[in-house]
PDB file of N, CA and C in Angstrom:
ATOM      1  N   VAL A   1       0.816  -1.100  -0.021  1.00  0.00           N
ATOM      2  CA  VAL A   1      -0.003  -0.101  -0.020  1.00  0.00           C
ATOM      3  C   VAL A   1       0.906   1.255  -0.071  1.00  0.00           C
ATOM      4  N   ARG A   2       0.795   2.005  -0.960  1.00  0.00           N
ATOM      5  CA  ARG A   2       1.551   3.322  -1.135  1.00  0.00           C
ATOM      6  C   ARG A   2       0.769   4.328  -0.534  1.00  0.00           C
ATOM      7  N   TYR A   3       1.332   5.130   0.280  1.00  0.00           N
ATOM      8  CA  TYR A   3       0.699   6.363   1.021  1.00  0.00           C
ATOM      9  C   TYR A   3       1.570   7.496   0.844  1.00  0.00           C
ATOM     10  N   TYR A   4       0.996   8.779   0.948  1.00  0.00           N
ATOM     11  CA  TYR A   4       1.604   9.927   0.823  1.00  0.00           C
ATOM     12  C   TYR A   4       1.341  10.819   2.184  1.00  0.00           C
ATOM     13  N   VAL A   5       2.229  11.621   2.542  1.00  0.00           N
ATOM     14  CA  VAL A   5       2.095  12.306   3.673  1.00  0.00           C
ATOM     15  C   VAL A   5       1.979  13.829   3.364  1.00  0.00           C
ATOM     16  N   SER A   6       0.804  14.456   4.064  1.00  0.00           N
ATOM     17  CA  SER A   6       0.549  15.899   3.582  1.00  0.00           C
ATOM     18  C   SER A   6       1.674  16.794   4.212  1.00  0.00           C
ATOM     19  N   GLU A   7       1.924  17.888   3.526  1.00  0.00           N
ATOM     20  CA  GLU A   7       2.946  18.805   3.933  1.00  0.00           C
ATOM     21  C   GLU A   7       2.445  19.665   5.103  1.00  0.00           C
ATOM     22  N   ALA A   8       1.310  19.573   5.447  1.00  0.00           N
ATOM     23  CA  ALA A   8       0.617  20.404   6.503  1.00  0.00           C
ATOM     24  C   ALA A   8       0.972  19.911   7.925  1.00  0.00           C
ATOM     25  N   ALA A   9       1.919  20.684   8.569  1.00  0.00           N
ATOM     26  CA  ALA A   9       2.154  20.379   9.928  1.00  0.00           C
ATOM     27  C   ALA A   9       1.188  20.706  10.938  1.00  0.00           C
ATOM     28  N   THR A  10       1.366  20.410  12.357  1.00  0.00           N
ATOM     29  CA  THR A  10       0.537  21.006  13.328  1.00  0.00           C
ATOM     30  C   THR A  10       1.501  21.314  14.531  1.00  0.00           C
ATOM     31  N   PRO A  11       1.124  22.134  15.300  1.00  0.00           N
ATOM     32  CA  PRO A  11       1.999  22.514  16.535  1.00  0.00           C
ATOM     33  C   PRO A  11       2.404  21.217  17.272  1.00  0.00           C
ATOM     34  N   GLY A  12       3.630  21.093  17.424  1.00  0.00           N
ATOM     35  CA  GLY A  12       4.399  19.943  18.082  1.00  0.00           C
ATOM     36  C   GLY A  12       4.692  18.869  17.364  1.00  0.00           C
ATOM     37  N   VAL A  13       4.345  18.695  16.034  1.00  0.00           N
ATOM     38  CA  VAL A  13       4.579  17.606  15.186  1.00  0.00           C
ATOM     39  C   VAL A  13       5.077  18.212  13.752  1.00  0.00           C
ATOM     40  N   SER A  14       6.253  18.066  13.549  1.00  0.00           N
ATOM     41  CA  SER A  14       6.816  18.371  12.119  1.00  0.00           C
ATOM     42  C   SER A  14       6.268  17.409  11.236  1.00  0.00           C
ATOM     43  N   VAL A  15       6.341  17.693   9.894  1.00  0.00           N
ATOM     44  CA  VAL A  15       5.930  16.689   8.931  1.00  0.00           C
ATOM     45  C   VAL A  15       6.968  15.651   8.825  1.00  0.00           C
ATOM     46  N   PRO A  16       8.271  15.630   8.874  1.00  0.00           N
ATOM     47  CA  PRO A  16       9.047  14.496   9.054  1.00  0.00           C
ATOM     48  C   PRO A  16       8.820  13.753  10.162  1.00  0.00           C
ATOM     49  N   ALA A  17       8.601  14.121  11.375  1.00  0.00           N
ATOM     50  CA  ALA A  17       8.290  13.483  12.505  1.00  0.00           C
ATOM     51  C   ALA A  17       7.060  12.635  12.420  1.00  0.00           C
ATOM     52  N   PHE A  18       5.997  13.362  11.793  1.00  0.00           N
ATOM     53  CA  PHE A  18       4.758  12.627  11.477  1.00  0.00           C
ATOM     54  C   PHE A  18       5.040  11.418  10.518  1.00  0.00           C
ATOM     55  N   GLN A  19       5.742  11.584   9.522  1.00  0.00           N
ATOM     56  CA  GLN A  19       5.928  10.605   8.585  1.00  0.00           C
ATOM     57  C   GLN A  19       6.744   9.376   9.226  1.00  0.00           C
ATOM     58  N   GLN A  20       7.627   9.842  10.088  1.00  0.00           N
ATOM     59  CA  GLN A  20       8.334   8.622  10.793  1.00  0.00           C
ATOM     60  C   GLN A  20       7.478   7.942  11.785  1.00  0.00           C
ATOM     61  N   ALA A  21       6.574   8.544  12.430  1.00  0.00           N
ATOM     62  CA  ALA A  21       5.545   8.017  13.351  1.00  0.00           C
ATOM     63  C   ALA A  21       4.750   7.004  12.532  1.00  0.00           C
ATOM     64  N   MET A  22       4.207   7.573  11.464  1.00  0.00           N
ATOM     65  CA  MET A  22       3.430   6.666  10.397  1.00  0.00           C
ATOM     66  C   MET A  22       4.179   5.331  10.083  1.00  0.00           C
ATOM     67  N   ALA A  23       5.397   5.657   9.677  1.00  0.00           N
ATOM     68  CA  ALA A  23       6.294   4.290   9.185  1.00  0.00           C
ATOM     69  C   ALA A  23       6.371   3.422  10.368  1.00  0.00           C
ATOM     70  N   ARG A  24       6.659   3.857  11.648  1.00  0.00           N
ATOM     71  CA  ARG A  24       6.700   2.954  12.611  1.00  0.00           C
ATOM     72  C   ARG A  24       5.389   2.287  13.013  1.00  0.00           C
ATOM     73  N   ALA A  25       4.188   2.977  12.919  1.00  0.00           N
ATOM     74  CA  ALA A  25       2.951   2.360  13.114  1.00  0.00           C
ATOM     75  C   ALA A  25       2.827   1.221  11.963  1.00  0.00           C
ATOM     76  N   PHE A  26       2.943   1.539  10.693  1.00  0.00           N
ATOM     77  CA  PHE A  26       2.849   0.564   9.710  1.00  0.00           C
ATOM     78  C   PHE A  26       3.653  -0.701   9.853  1.00  0.00           C
ATOM     79  N   ALA A  27       4.954  -0.358  10.296  1.00  0.00           N
ATOM     80  CA  ALA A  27       5.859  -1.357  10.521  1.00  0.00           C
ATOM     81  C   ALA A  27       5.261  -2.405  11.620  1.00  0.00           C
ATOM     82  N   THR A  28       4.583  -1.937  12.578  1.00  0.00           N
ATOM     83  CA  THR A  28       4.036  -2.860  13.596  1.00  0.00           C
ATOM     84  C   THR A  28       2.971  -3.550  13.049  1.00  0.00           C
ATOM     85  N   TRP A  29       2.132  -3.079  12.156  1.00  0.00           N
ATOM     86  CA  TRP A  29       1.110  -3.988  11.435  1.00  0.00           C
ATOM     87  C   TRP A  29       1.708  -4.911  10.495  1.00  0.00           C
ATOM     88  N   GLU A  30       2.936  -4.597   9.901  1.00  0.00           N
ATOM     89  CA  GLU A  30       3.453  -5.552   8.942  1.00  0.00           C
ATOM     90  C   GLU A  30       4.124  -6.661   9.740  1.00  0.00           C
ATOM     91  N   ALA A  31       4.432  -6.523  10.935  1.00  0.00           N
ATOM     92  CA  ALA A  31       5.205  -7.388  11.744  1.00  0.00           C
ATOM     93  C   ALA A  31       4.241  -8.535  12.397  1.00  0.00           C
ATOM     94  N   VAL A  32       2.931  -8.279  12.298  1.00  0.00           N
ATOM     95  CA  VAL A  32       2.048  -9.273  12.711  1.00  0.00           C
ATOM     96  C   VAL A  32       2.225 -10.548  11.852  1.00  0.00           C
ATOM     97  N   PRO A  33       2.468 -11.671  12.451  1.00  0.00           N
ATOM     98  CA  PRO A  33       2.756 -12.924  11.830  1.00  0.00           C
ATOM     99  C   PRO A  33       1.851 -13.260  10.721  1.00  0.00           C
ATOM    100  N   THR A  34       0.699 -13.015  10.848  1.00  0.00           N
ATOM    101  CA  THR A  34      -0.376 -13.416   9.915  1.00  0.00           C
ATOM    102  C   THR A  34      -0.720 -12.224   8.915  1.00  0.00           C
ATOM    103  N   ALA A  35      -0.008 -11.226   8.968  1.00  0.00           N
ATOM    104  CA  ALA A  35      -0.284 -10.072   8.082  1.00  0.00           C
ATOM    105  C   ALA A  35       0.309 -10.318   6.637  1.00  0.00           C
ATOM    106  N   ALA A  36      -0.414  -9.994   5.657  1.00  0.00           N
ATOM    107  CA  ALA A  36       0.081 -10.127   4.237  1.00  0.00           C
ATOM    108  C   ALA A  36       0.025  -8.817   3.619  1.00  0.00           C
ATOM    109  N   ILE A  37       0.433  -7.829   4.263  1.00  0.00           N
ATOM    110  CA  ILE A  37       0.479  -6.354   3.769  1.00  0.00           C
ATOM    111  C   ILE A  37       1.726  -5.661   3.942  1.00  0.00           C
ATOM    112  N   ARG A  38       1.963  -4.849   3.060  1.00  0.00           N
ATOM    113  CA  ARG A  38       3.354  -4.018   3.083  1.00  0.00           C
ATOM    114  C   ARG A  38       2.940  -2.520   2.761  1.00  0.00           C
ATOM    115  N   TYR A  39       3.454  -1.649   3.345  1.00  0.00           N
ATOM    116  CA  TYR A  39       3.329  -0.195   3.309  1.00  0.00           C
ATOM    117  C   TYR A  39       4.453   0.487   2.777  1.00  0.00           C
ATOM    118  N   GLU A  40       4.365   1.469   1.853  1.00  0.00           N
ATOM    119  CA  GLU A  40       5.453   2.069   1.326  1.00  0.00           C
ATOM    120  C   GLU A  40       5.125   3.611   1.149  1.00  0.00           C
ATOM    121  N   VAL A  41       6.022   4.421   1.732  1.00  0.00           N
ATOM    122  CA  VAL A  41       5.815   5.891   1.686  1.00  0.00           C
ATOM    123  C   VAL A  41       5.993   6.382   0.231  1.00  0.00           C
ATOM    124  N   GLY A  42       5.010   7.074  -0.322  1.00  0.00           N
ATOM    125  CA  GLY A  42       5.398   7.617  -1.731  1.00  0.00           C
ATOM    126  C   GLY A  42       5.946   8.991  -1.718  1.00  0.00           C
ATOM    127  N   GLY A  43       5.985   9.690  -0.567  1.00  0.00           N
ATOM    128  CA  GLY A  43       6.607  10.929  -0.559  1.00  0.00           C
ATOM    129  C   GLY A  43       5.578  11.928   0.122  1.00  0.00           C
ATOM    130  N   TYR A  44       6.015  13.167   0.164  1.00  0.00           N
ATOM    131  CA  TYR A  44       4.997  14.253   0.592  1.00  0.00           C
ATOM    132  C   TYR A  44       4.273  14.899  -0.526  1.00  0.00           C
ATOM    133  N   THR A  45       3.068  15.411  -0.098  1.00  0.00           N
ATOM    134  CA  THR A  45       2.092  15.973  -1.138  1.00  0.00           C
ATOM    135  C   THR A  45       1.558  17.296  -0.379  1.00  0.00           C
ATOM    136  N   ARG A  46       1.207  18.232  -1.281  1.00  0.00           N
ATOM    137  CA  ARG A  46       0.528  19.406  -0.722  1.00  0.00           C
ATOM    138  C   ARG A  46      -0.882  19.087  -0.485  1.00  0.00           C
ATOM    139  N   ASN A  47      -1.363  18.029  -1.067  1.00  0.00           N
ATOM    140  CA  ASN A  47      -2.812  17.753  -0.929  1.00  0.00           C
ATOM    141  C   ASN A  47      -3.144  17.345   0.496  1.00  0.00           C
ATOM    142  N   ARG A  48      -4.339  17.534   0.878  1.00  0.00           N
ATOM    143  CA  ARG A  48      -4.826  17.204   2.241  1.00  0.00           C
ATOM    144  C   ARG A  48      -5.549  15.853   2.118  1.00  0.00           C
ATOM    145  N   PRO A  49      -5.857  15.145   3.225  1.00  0.00           N
ATOM    146  CA  PRO A  49      -6.588  14.080   3.317  1.00  0.00           C
ATOM    147  C   PRO A  49      -7.948  14.349   2.869  1.00  0.00           C
ATOM    148  N   GLY A  50      -8.624  13.679   2.263  1.00  0.00           N
ATOM    149  CA  GLY A  50     -10.131  13.848   1.902  1.00  0.00           C
ATOM    150  C   GLY A  50     -10.273  14.435   0.418  1.00  0.00           C
ATOM    151  N   GLU A  51      -9.105  14.865  -0.144  1.00  0.00           N
ATOM    152  CA  GLU A  51      -9.206  15.224  -1.612  1.00  0.00           C
ATOM    153  C   GLU A  51      -9.173  14.030  -2.470  1.00  0.00           C
ATOM    154  N   ASP A  52     -10.059  13.998  -3.464  1.00  0.00           N
ATOM    155  CA  ASP A  52     -10.195  12.978  -4.350  1.00  0.00           C
ATOM    156  C   ASP A  52      -9.079  13.098  -5.460  1.00  0.00           C
ATOM    157  N   ASP A  53      -7.873  12.512  -5.136  1.00  0.00           N
ATOM    158  CA  ASP A  53      -6.766  12.749  -6.030  1.00  0.00           C
ATOM    159  C   ASP A  53      -5.961  11.426  -6.405  1.00  0.00           C
ATOM    160  N   GLY A  54      -6.674  10.256  -6.081  1.00  0.00           N
ATOM    161  CA  GLY A  54      -6.174   8.949  -6.399  1.00  0.00           C
ATOM    162  C   GLY A  54      -4.941   8.559  -5.438  1.00  0.00           C
ATOM    163  N   ARG A  55      -4.573   9.425  -4.430  1.00  0.00           N
ATOM    164  CA  ARG A  55      -3.532   8.986  -3.610  1.00  0.00           C
ATOM    165  C   ARG A  55      -4.114   8.756  -2.153  1.00  0.00           C
ATOM    166  N   SER A  56      -3.593   7.915  -1.518  1.00  0.00           N
ATOM    167  CA  SER A  56      -3.956   7.544  -0.052  1.00  0.00           C
ATOM    168  C   SER A  56      -2.977   8.601   0.722  1.00  0.00           C
ATOM    169  N   THR A  57      -3.614   9.525   1.354  1.00  0.00           N
ATOM    170  CA  THR A  57      -2.995  10.688   1.995  1.00  0.00           C
ATOM    171  C   THR A  57      -3.141  10.720   3.453  1.00  0.00           C
ATOM    172  N   LEU A  58      -2.178  10.899   4.296  1.00  0.00           N
ATOM    173  CA  LEU A  58      -2.301  10.938   5.724  1.00  0.00           C
ATOM    174  C   LEU A  58      -1.857  12.296   6.042  1.00  0.00           C
ATOM    175  N   GLY A  59      -2.530  12.909   7.042  1.00  0.00           N
ATOM    176  CA  GLY A  59      -2.160  14.280   7.441  1.00  0.00           C
ATOM    177  C   GLY A  59      -3.051  14.910   8.446  1.00  0.00           C
ATOM    178  N   PHE A  60      -2.770  16.148   8.763  1.00  0.00           N
ATOM    179  CA  PHE A  60      -3.634  16.924   9.865  1.00  0.00           C
ATOM    180  C   PHE A  60      -4.732  17.801   9.043  1.00  0.00           C
ATOM    181  N   LEU A  61      -5.822  17.821   9.646  1.00  0.00           N
ATOM    182  CA  LEU A  61      -6.886  18.702   9.404  1.00  0.00           C
ATOM    183  C   LEU A  61      -7.592  19.302  10.592  1.00  0.00           C
ATOM    184  N   ASN A  62      -7.940  20.549  10.552  1.00  0.00           N
ATOM    185  CA  ASN A  62      -8.564  21.141  11.684  1.00  0.00           C
ATOM    186  C   ASN A  62     -10.223  20.991  11.450  1.00  0.00           C
ATOM    187  N   GLN A  63     -10.660  20.123  12.370  1.00  0.00           N
ATOM    188  CA  GLN A  63     -12.039  19.964  12.305  1.00  0.00           C
ATOM    189  C   GLN A  63     -12.664  19.973  13.731  1.00  0.00           C
ATOM    190  N   PRO A  64     -12.641  21.206  14.254  1.00  0.00           N
ATOM    191  CA  PRO A  64     -13.199  21.524  15.577  1.00  0.00           C
ATOM    192  C   PRO A  64     -14.641  20.985  15.871  1.00  0.00           C
ATOM    193  N   GLU A  65     -15.518  20.894  14.714  1.00  0.00           N
ATOM    194  CA  GLU A  65     -16.824  20.541  14.967  1.00  0.00           C
ATOM    195  C   GLU A  65     -16.905  19.043  15.208  1.00  0.00           C
ATOM    196  N   LEU A  66     -15.908  18.353  15.022  1.00  0.00           N
ATOM    197  CA  LEU A  66     -15.840  16.833  15.351  1.00  0.00           C
ATOM    198  C   LEU A  66     -15.168  16.804  16.552  1.00  0.00           C
ATOM    199  N   ASP A  67     -15.643  17.352  17.700  1.00  0.00           N
ATOM    200  CA  ASP A  67     -15.080  17.330  18.959  1.00  0.00           C
ATOM    201  C   ASP A  67     -14.879  16.097  19.773  1.00  0.00           C
ATOM    202  N   ARG A  68     -15.335  14.955  19.114  1.00  0.00           N
ATOM    203  CA  ARG A  68     -15.040  13.523  19.562  1.00  0.00           C
ATOM    204  C   ARG A  68     -14.240  12.713  18.679  1.00  0.00           C
ATOM    205  N   VAL A  69     -13.842  13.266  17.654  1.00  0.00           N
ATOM    206  CA  VAL A  69     -13.075  12.483  16.751  1.00  0.00           C
ATOM    207  C   VAL A  69     -11.490  12.907  16.614  1.00  0.00           C
ATOM    208  N   LEU A  70     -10.824  11.946  17.104  1.00  0.00           N
ATOM    209  CA  LEU A  70      -9.326  12.117  16.943  1.00  0.00           C
ATOM    210  C   LEU A  70      -8.822  12.103  15.661  1.00  0.00           C
ATOM    211  N   ALA A  71      -9.242  11.005  14.913  1.00  0.00           N
ATOM    212  CA  ALA A  71      -8.732  10.805  13.490  1.00  0.00           C
ATOM    213  C   ALA A  71      -9.905  10.047  12.748  1.00  0.00           C
ATOM    214  N   SER A  72      -9.839  10.180  11.578  1.00  0.00           N
ATOM    215  CA  SER A  72     -10.817   9.396  10.684  1.00  0.00           C
ATOM    216  C   SER A  72     -10.279   8.911   9.279  1.00  0.00           C
ATOM    217  N   THR A  73     -10.813   7.874   8.934  1.00  0.00           N
ATOM    218  CA  THR A  73     -10.382   7.298   7.617  1.00  0.00           C
ATOM    219  C   THR A  73     -11.472   7.354   6.619  1.00  0.00           C
ATOM    220  N   SER A  74     -11.224   7.845   5.362  1.00  0.00           N
ATOM    221  CA  SER A  74     -12.187   7.732   4.422  1.00  0.00           C
ATOM    222  C   SER A  74     -11.523   7.068   3.070  1.00  0.00           C
ATOM    223  N   TYR A  75     -12.381   6.623   2.229  1.00  0.00           N
ATOM    224  CA  TYR A  75     -12.028   5.881   1.082  1.00  0.00           C
ATOM    225  C   TYR A  75     -12.841   6.116  -0.130  1.00  0.00           C
ATOM    226  N   LEU A  76     -12.271   5.872  -1.373  1.00  0.00           N
ATOM    227  CA  LEU A  76     -12.828   6.107  -2.529  1.00  0.00           C
ATOM    228  C   LEU A  76     -12.790   4.794  -3.324  1.00  0.00           C
ATOM    229  N   ILE A  77     -14.007   4.180  -3.692  1.00  0.00           N
ATOM    230  CA  ILE A  77     -13.972   2.910  -4.473  1.00  0.00           C
ATOM    231  C   ILE A  77     -14.403   3.209  -6.003  1.00  0.00           C
ATOM    232  N   ASP A  78     -13.865   2.538  -6.692  1.00  0.00           N
ATOM    233  CA  ASP A  78     -14.332   2.563  -8.189  1.00  0.00           C
ATOM    234  C   ASP A  78     -15.692   1.924  -8.180  1.00  0.00           C
ATOM    235  N   GLY A  79     -16.672   2.501  -8.596  1.00  0.00           N
ATOM    236  CA  GLY A  79     -18.089   2.014  -8.722  1.00  0.00           C
ATOM    237  C   GLY A  79     -18.229   0.934  -9.659  1.00  0.00           C
ATOM    238  N   VAL A  80     -17.377   0.673 -10.633  1.00  0.00           N
ATOM    239  CA  VAL A  80     -17.530  -0.299 -11.650  1.00  0.00           C
ATOM    240  C   VAL A  80     -16.798  -1.528 -11.305  1.00  0.00           C
ATOM    241  N   THR A  81     -15.543  -1.352 -10.882  1.00  0.00           N
ATOM    242  CA  THR A  81     -14.643  -2.468 -10.626  1.00  0.00           C
ATOM    243  C   THR A  81     -14.644  -2.871  -9.176  1.00  0.00           C
ATOM    244  N   GLY A  82     -15.032  -2.070  -8.132  1.00  0.00           N
ATOM    245  CA  GLY A  82     -15.006  -2.183  -6.791  1.00  0.00           C
ATOM    246  C   GLY A  82     -13.600  -2.066  -6.323  1.00  0.00           C
ATOM    247  N   ASP A  83     -12.695  -1.669  -7.126  1.00  0.00           N
ATOM    248  CA  ASP A  83     -11.251  -1.448  -6.541  1.00  0.00           C
ATOM    249  C   ASP A  83     -11.099  -0.225  -5.697  1.00  0.00           C
ATOM    250  N   LEU A  84     -10.292  -0.400  -4.702  1.00  0.00           N
ATOM    251  CA  LEU A  84      -9.958   0.679  -3.883  1.00  0.00           C
ATOM    252  C   LEU A  84      -9.057   1.729  -4.646  1.00  0.00           C
ATOM    253  N   ILE A  85      -9.518   3.027  -4.733  1.00  0.00           N
ATOM    254  CA  ILE A  85      -8.822   3.984  -5.411  1.00  0.00           C
ATOM    255  C   ILE A  85      -7.856   4.734  -4.509  1.00  0.00           C
ATOM    256  N   GLU A  86      -8.270   4.942  -3.402  1.00  0.00           N
ATOM    257  CA  GLU A  86      -7.580   5.783  -2.300  1.00  0.00           C
ATOM    258  C   GLU A  86      -8.254   5.617  -0.909  1.00  0.00           C
ATOM    259  N   SER A  87      -7.436   5.739   0.067  1.00  0.00           N
ATOM    260  CA  SER A  87      -7.932   5.698   1.393  1.00  0.00           C
ATOM    261  C   SER A  87      -7.053   6.734   2.192  1.00  0.00           C
ATOM    262  N   ASP A  88      -7.779   7.871   2.627  1.00  0.00           N
ATOM    263  CA  ASP A  88      -7.136   8.976   3.308  1.00  0.00           C
ATOM    264  C   ASP A  88      -7.291   8.810   4.790  1.00  0.00           C
ATOM    265  N   ILE A  89      -6.460   9.354   5.635  1.00  0.00           N
ATOM    266  CA  ILE A  89      -6.574   9.362   7.115  1.00  0.00           C
ATOM    267  C   ILE A  89      -6.360  10.803   7.549  1.00  0.00           C
ATOM    268  N   PHE A  90      -7.141  11.456   8.178  1.00  0.00           N
ATOM    269  CA  PHE A  90      -6.775  12.685   8.789  1.00  0.00           C
ATOM    270  C   PHE A  90      -6.858  12.648  10.267  1.00  0.00           C
ATOM    271  N   PHE A  91      -6.016  13.414  10.970  1.00  0.00           N
ATOM    272  CA  PHE A  91      -5.742  13.548  12.243  1.00  0.00           C
ATOM    273  C   PHE A  91      -6.265  14.961  12.705  1.00  0.00           C
ATOM    274  N   ASN A  92      -7.264  15.047  13.644  1.00  0.00           N
ATOM    275  CA  ASN A  92      -7.853  16.236  13.837  1.00  0.00           C
ATOM    276  C   ASN A  92      -7.029  17.343  14.854  1.00  0.00           C
ATOM    277  N   THR A  93      -6.687  18.367  14.281  1.00  0.00           N
ATOM    278  CA  THR A  93      -5.916  19.356  14.938  1.00  0.00           C
ATOM    279  C   THR A  93      -6.597  20.123  16.042  1.00  0.00           C
ATOM    280  N   ALA A  94      -7.911  19.830  16.179  1.00  0.00           N
ATOM    281  CA  ALA A  94      -8.678  20.442  17.286  1.00  0.00           C
ATOM    282  C   ALA A  94      -8.133  19.657  18.509  1.00  0.00           C
ATOM    283  N   PHE A  95      -7.392  18.752  18.522  1.00  0.00           N
ATOM    284  CA  PHE A  95      -6.594  18.041  19.709  1.00  0.00           C
ATOM    285  C   PHE A  95      -5.117  18.440  19.437  1.00  0.00           C
ATOM    286  N   ALA A  96      -4.442  18.372  20.596  1.00  0.00           N
ATOM    287  CA  ALA A  96      -2.973  18.376  20.561  1.00  0.00           C
ATOM    288  C   ALA A  96      -2.295  17.127  20.351  1.00  0.00           C
ATOM    289  N   TRP A  97      -1.270  17.002  19.481  1.00  0.00           N
ATOM    290  CA  TRP A  97      -0.727  15.906  18.934  1.00  0.00           C
ATOM    291  C   TRP A  97       0.814  16.026  19.489  1.00  0.00           C
ATOM    292  N   SER A  98       1.316  14.742  19.646  1.00  0.00           N
ATOM    293  CA  SER A  98       2.807  14.517  19.754  1.00  0.00           C
ATOM    294  C   SER A  98       3.071  13.217  19.204  1.00  0.00           C
ATOM    295  N   VAL A  99       4.331  13.047  18.948  1.00  0.00           N
ATOM    296  CA  VAL A  99       4.850  11.825  18.344  1.00  0.00           C
ATOM    297  C   VAL A  99       5.873  11.282  19.247  1.00  0.00           C
ATOM    298  N   SER A 100       6.011  11.810  20.475  1.00  0.00           N
ATOM    299  CA  SER A 100       7.053  11.404  21.427  1.00  0.00           C
ATOM    300  C   SER A 100       6.958   9.967  21.807  1.00  0.00           C
ATOM    301  N   GLN A 101       8.158   9.387  22.035  1.00  0.00           N
ATOM    302  CA  GLN A 101       8.106   7.941  22.346  1.00  0.00           C
ATOM    303  C   GLN A 101       8.394   7.787  23.812  1.00  0.00           C
TER     304      GLN A 101
END
């Protein structure tokens, strides 16, 4: 699964630190003995999660009206083939974030 990281940072989390945190999280999923999935960072993008651009994008969005939503995943499916076109994840900047270990 190729994913892209949005260039929009949030206070306390730089874009490179966010990308590294996502890589560590995906490595955890890949390490599950029964997992048959691999993740690959495609690079950085100016696009934000939720834009229908054909790329799976991870990043921060300010969604204060979603006061109980830390993060959310959306996806776009090809209506004819049923193929997954993209799957975006946004992390809500209405909350404070850190990638400290």
